[in-house]
Protein backbone atom coordinates (compact mmCIF):
# COMPACT_ATOMS: atom_id res chain seq x y z
CA MET A 1 98.80 102.19 90.38
CA ALA A 2 95.64 100.57 89.04
CA ARG A 3 92.25 101.80 90.15
CA SER A 4 91.39 98.42 91.68
CA ASP A 5 94.74 97.71 93.30
CA SER A 6 96.68 99.02 96.25
CA PRO A 7 99.95 97.84 97.76
CA GLY A 8 98.50 98.12 101.24
CA THR A 9 98.25 95.64 104.06
CA ALA A 10 94.60 94.68 103.62
CA ALA A 11 92.70 92.99 100.79
CA PRO A 12 92.43 94.85 97.47
CA ASN A 13 89.80 97.56 97.32
CA ARG A 14 88.46 99.57 94.45
CA MET A 15 89.61 103.16 94.35
CA ALA A 16 86.73 105.62 94.41
CA ALA A 17 86.18 107.98 91.48
CA GLY A 18 88.11 111.21 91.74
CA TYR A 19 87.19 114.83 91.11
CA LEU A 20 88.63 115.35 87.66
CA ALA A 21 86.34 114.64 84.72
CA GLU A 22 89.39 114.13 82.51
CA PRO A 23 92.09 111.65 83.46
CA ALA A 24 94.58 112.87 86.00
CA LEU A 25 97.58 114.68 84.55
CA SER A 26 99.94 111.80 83.95
CA ALA A 27 103.55 111.85 85.00
CA ASP A 28 104.07 110.74 81.40
CA ALA A 29 102.87 114.11 80.07
CA GLY A 30 106.29 115.74 80.01
CA LEU A 31 106.55 115.80 83.80
CA SER A 32 108.97 112.96 84.41
CA PRO A 33 112.18 111.96 82.64
CA SER A 34 112.99 108.31 82.11
CA PRO A 35 114.15 106.43 85.23
CA PRO A 36 117.88 106.44 86.05
CA VAL A 37 120.08 104.48 83.67
CA ALA A 38 122.13 101.64 85.13
CA GLY A 39 125.58 102.85 86.10
CA SER A 40 124.60 106.53 86.21
CA ALA A 41 125.07 108.84 89.18
CA ALA A 42 121.30 108.84 89.70
CA ASP A 43 121.29 105.05 89.74
CA ALA A 44 124.08 105.05 92.34
CA ARG A 45 122.02 107.45 94.45
CA ASP A 46 119.04 105.10 94.23
CA THR A 47 121.23 102.20 95.34
CA GLU A 48 122.53 104.22 98.27
CA GLY A 49 118.96 105.08 99.26
CA MET A 50 117.97 101.42 99.06
CA GLN A 51 120.85 100.34 101.29
CA ALA A 52 119.99 103.00 103.85
CA ALA A 53 116.39 101.79 103.87
CA LEU A 54 117.37 98.17 104.44
CA ALA A 55 119.27 99.24 107.56
CA LEU A 56 116.01 100.53 109.07
CA ARG A 57 114.22 97.16 109.09
CA GLY A 58 112.81 96.44 112.54
CA THR A 59 113.02 100.06 113.68
CA PRO A 60 110.12 102.43 114.52
CA ARG A 61 110.58 103.95 111.05
CA TRP A 62 109.96 100.54 109.47
CA ALA A 63 106.79 100.17 111.57
CA GLN A 64 105.63 103.62 110.43
CA ALA A 65 106.31 102.70 106.82
CA THR A 66 104.24 99.54 107.23
CA ALA A 67 101.33 101.59 108.58
CA ASP A 68 101.68 104.11 105.75
CA ALA A 69 101.31 101.31 103.18
CA GLU A 70 97.58 101.02 103.91
CA LEU A 71 95.50 103.25 101.65
CA PHE A 72 91.99 101.84 101.88
CA GLY A 73 91.31 100.85 105.49
CA PRO A 74 89.43 103.03 107.98
CA HIS A 75 92.70 104.39 109.37
CA ALA A 76 94.28 105.30 106.04
CA THR A 77 93.80 109.04 106.44
CA SER A 78 94.58 109.12 110.16
CA GLY A 79 98.29 109.01 109.38
CA PHE A 80 98.10 112.78 108.94
CA SER A 81 96.44 113.40 112.32
CA CYS A 82 99.57 114.32 114.26
CA ALA A 83 100.70 116.74 111.57
CA ALA A 84 97.20 118.25 111.43
CA GLY A 85 96.87 118.52 115.21
CA VAL A 86 93.46 116.80 115.14
CA GLU A 87 92.33 113.19 114.83
CA ILE A 88 91.46 112.70 111.15
CA GLY A 89 89.21 109.81 110.15
CA PRO A 90 85.78 108.80 108.87
CA GLN A 91 84.22 109.14 112.32
CA THR A 92 85.92 112.27 113.67
CA THR A 93 86.29 114.30 110.45
CA PRO A 94 84.05 112.72 107.78
CA LYS A 95 84.27 115.65 105.36
CA THR A 96 88.05 115.81 105.53
CA ASP A 97 88.31 112.04 105.22
CA ALA A 98 86.05 112.10 102.15
CA LEU A 99 88.12 114.89 100.56
CA MET A 100 91.29 112.85 100.96
CA ARG A 101 89.80 109.59 99.71
CA LYS A 102 88.18 111.16 96.66
CA SER A 103 91.37 112.97 95.64
CA MET A 104 93.29 109.68 95.94
CA ALA A 105 92.34 108.58 92.42
CA ASP A 106 93.40 111.87 90.84
CA LEU A 107 96.76 111.64 92.59
CA GLY A 108 97.55 107.94 92.48
CA LEU A 109 96.44 107.20 88.93
CA SER A 110 98.64 109.98 87.57
CA THR A 111 101.61 107.61 87.68
CA SER A 112 100.00 104.69 85.85
CA ALA A 113 100.96 105.45 82.24
CA ILE A 114 104.65 105.93 82.88
CA LYS A 115 104.71 102.87 85.16
CA ARG A 116 103.43 100.81 82.24
CA ARG A 117 105.92 102.37 79.84
CA TYR A 118 109.05 101.55 81.82
CA GLN A 119 108.02 98.62 84.04
CA ARG A 120 110.97 99.40 86.26
CA PRO A 121 111.83 96.53 88.64
CA ARG A 122 111.27 97.33 92.30
CA PRO A 123 114.09 97.23 94.87
CA PHE A 124 112.97 93.94 96.44
CA MET A 125 113.13 92.31 92.99
CA VAL A 126 116.77 93.37 92.75
CA ASN A 127 118.05 92.84 96.29
CA GLY A 128 115.96 89.78 97.20
CA GLN A 129 115.06 91.25 100.59
CA PRO A 130 111.50 91.24 102.01
CA THR A 131 109.12 94.17 101.96
CA CYS A 132 106.88 95.50 104.71
CA THR A 133 103.86 94.08 102.85
CA PRO A 134 104.91 90.55 101.79
CA ASP A 135 101.38 89.52 100.79
CA TRP A 136 101.46 92.19 98.08
CA GLU A 137 104.76 91.24 96.51
CA PRO A 138 103.19 89.18 93.66
CA LEU A 139 101.06 92.19 92.66
CA LEU A 140 103.95 94.62 92.99
CA ARG A 141 106.10 92.51 90.69
CA ARG A 142 103.60 93.21 87.90
CA ASP A 143 103.32 96.94 88.64
CA GLY A 144 106.22 99.17 87.58
CA SER A 145 108.19 100.96 90.25
CA TYR A 146 108.60 104.36 88.57
CA PRO A 147 107.07 106.75 89.63
CA SER A 148 105.50 105.94 93.01
CA GLY A 149 101.71 106.22 93.18
CA HIS A 150 101.86 106.05 96.97
CA SER A 151 104.24 109.01 97.00
CA ALA A 152 101.92 110.97 94.71
CA ILE A 153 99.01 110.28 97.05
CA GLY A 154 100.87 111.03 100.28
CA PHE A 155 102.53 114.21 99.08
CA GLY A 156 99.30 115.32 97.44
CA TRP A 157 97.40 114.79 100.68
CA GLY A 158 100.02 116.84 102.49
CA LEU A 159 99.63 119.71 100.01
CA ILE A 160 95.83 119.59 100.15
CA LEU A 161 95.70 119.54 103.94
CA ALA A 162 98.22 122.38 104.06
CA GLU A 163 95.67 124.49 102.20
CA VAL A 164 92.91 123.41 104.57
CA ILE A 165 94.97 124.06 107.74
CA PRO A 166 97.55 126.66 106.66
CA ASP A 167 98.96 127.16 110.15
CA ARG A 168 100.03 123.47 110.06
CA ALA A 169 101.36 123.64 106.50
CA ALA A 170 105.01 122.87 107.25
CA ALA A 171 104.18 119.80 109.34
CA LEU A 172 101.62 118.53 106.83
CA VAL A 173 103.88 118.84 103.80
CA ALA A 174 106.69 117.17 105.75
CA ARG A 175 104.32 114.34 106.67
CA GLY A 176 103.32 113.93 103.04
CA ARG A 177 106.98 113.73 102.08
CA ALA A 178 107.66 111.11 104.76
CA PHE A 179 104.54 109.16 103.72
CA GLY A 180 105.97 108.77 100.24
CA ASP A 181 109.45 107.97 101.51
CA SER A 182 107.89 105.13 103.49
CA ARG A 183 107.80 103.25 100.19
CA ARG A 184 111.59 103.41 100.00
CA ILE A 185 111.79 102.23 103.61
CA CYS A 186 109.44 99.36 102.71
CA ASN A 187 111.84 98.20 99.96
CA VAL A 188 109.21 98.63 97.23
CA HIS A 189 110.36 101.90 95.62
CA TRP A 190 113.60 103.60 94.69
CA LEU A 191 114.35 107.13 95.85
CA SER A 192 113.84 108.53 92.34
CA ASP A 193 110.41 106.81 92.18
CA VAL A 194 109.38 108.63 95.34
CA GLU A 195 110.71 111.98 94.16
CA GLU A 196 108.91 111.79 90.80
CA GLY A 197 105.70 110.88 92.62
CA ARG A 198 105.91 114.24 94.38
CA ILE A 199 106.13 116.03 91.01
CA ALA A 200 103.00 114.25 89.81
CA ALA A 201 101.25 115.18 93.06
CA ALA A 202 102.06 118.88 92.77
CA ALA A 203 100.83 119.04 89.17
CA ASN A 204 97.55 117.34 89.99
CA VAL A 205 96.86 119.36 93.14
CA ALA A 206 97.18 122.44 90.91
CA ARG A 207 94.57 120.93 88.58
CA LEU A 208 92.31 120.01 91.47
CA ASN A 209 92.33 123.59 92.71
CA ALA A 210 90.67 124.62 89.45
CA ASP A 211 87.77 122.20 90.05
CA PRO A 212 84.73 123.84 91.71
CA VAL A 213 83.55 120.64 93.43
CA PHE A 214 86.99 120.11 94.92
CA ARG A 215 87.12 123.69 96.14
CA LYS A 216 83.70 123.33 97.74
CA ASP A 217 84.80 120.17 99.52
CA MET A 218 87.95 121.97 100.67
CA ASP A 219 85.77 124.67 102.23
CA ARG A 220 83.66 122.04 103.97
CA ALA A 221 86.76 120.35 105.36
CA ARG A 222 88.15 123.70 106.49
CA LYS A 223 84.98 124.50 108.43
CA GLU A 224 84.85 121.00 109.90
CA LEU A 225 88.41 121.10 111.18
CA LYS A 226 87.82 124.42 112.93
CA LYS A 227 85.23 122.67 115.10
CA VAL A 228 86.99 119.38 115.78
CA ARG A 229 88.31 118.88 119.30
CA ALA A 230 89.52 115.29 119.02
CA GLU A 231 93.27 115.32 119.59
CA PRO A 232 95.49 112.83 117.76
CA ARG A 233 96.91 109.85 119.59
CA ASP A 234 100.39 108.35 119.81
CA CYS A 235 102.17 111.33 118.27
CA ALA A 236 105.27 110.65 120.36
CA SER A 237 105.68 107.33 118.56
CA GLU A 238 105.33 108.99 115.15
CA ALA A 239 107.85 111.67 116.12
CA GLY A 240 110.30 108.97 117.14
CA ALA A 241 109.91 107.22 113.81
CA ALA A 242 110.39 110.50 111.97
CA SER A 243 113.74 110.99 113.65
CA ALA A 244 115.15 108.42 111.21
CA THR A 245 116.62 110.15 108.17
CA ASP A 246 114.12 110.62 105.33
CA ARG A 247 115.42 111.44 101.90
């Protein structure tokens, strides 16, 4: 994922600078193996995951995946509201929203080097089926599929918020997992792309926890969320979408 690009539903936006003075720990730094070889068991598993995703087009899970594609709009962080039990966003929880948006670069850019190395074709390039963000398909064709930057961001956000609201940890980590799997549902990533994105996320959240500015912002978000009374909306719809099998 490039700093200036996002496979979301709106126009491209520039990713804000992250917390880490050094580049994010790349998935290329011994974290990720090469993508599955054609004809291997792992490749067959990816194909099975792709076929299962195609069957979900037009369902509530597809709609949720489309919403999860947006990383830069004002509602980008609100996708974690139901899991958090409070309405997250720039107006209701500005400190928490800022924490998530600033950490996005550290998480998402960690997949860039290995993406460039392998330039793995995305599922829609193989199966010829549409994605949930058709306007972004020309960009996605130029950006390697493995590993998923979206998955790294979503799972990383889930891990970070689980530290901020520990009593909601299980729901938040599950939401981060589903957020990344939305890319498989959208027909833009393979299952192995999504899974390796989670590995990159975990490694970089560990690095972020050693950064004093990040820890200070975590404390600010923690205090903010203890005071927030705005309840999340439309959680029944999200729960219905989540009932579809995530891998």
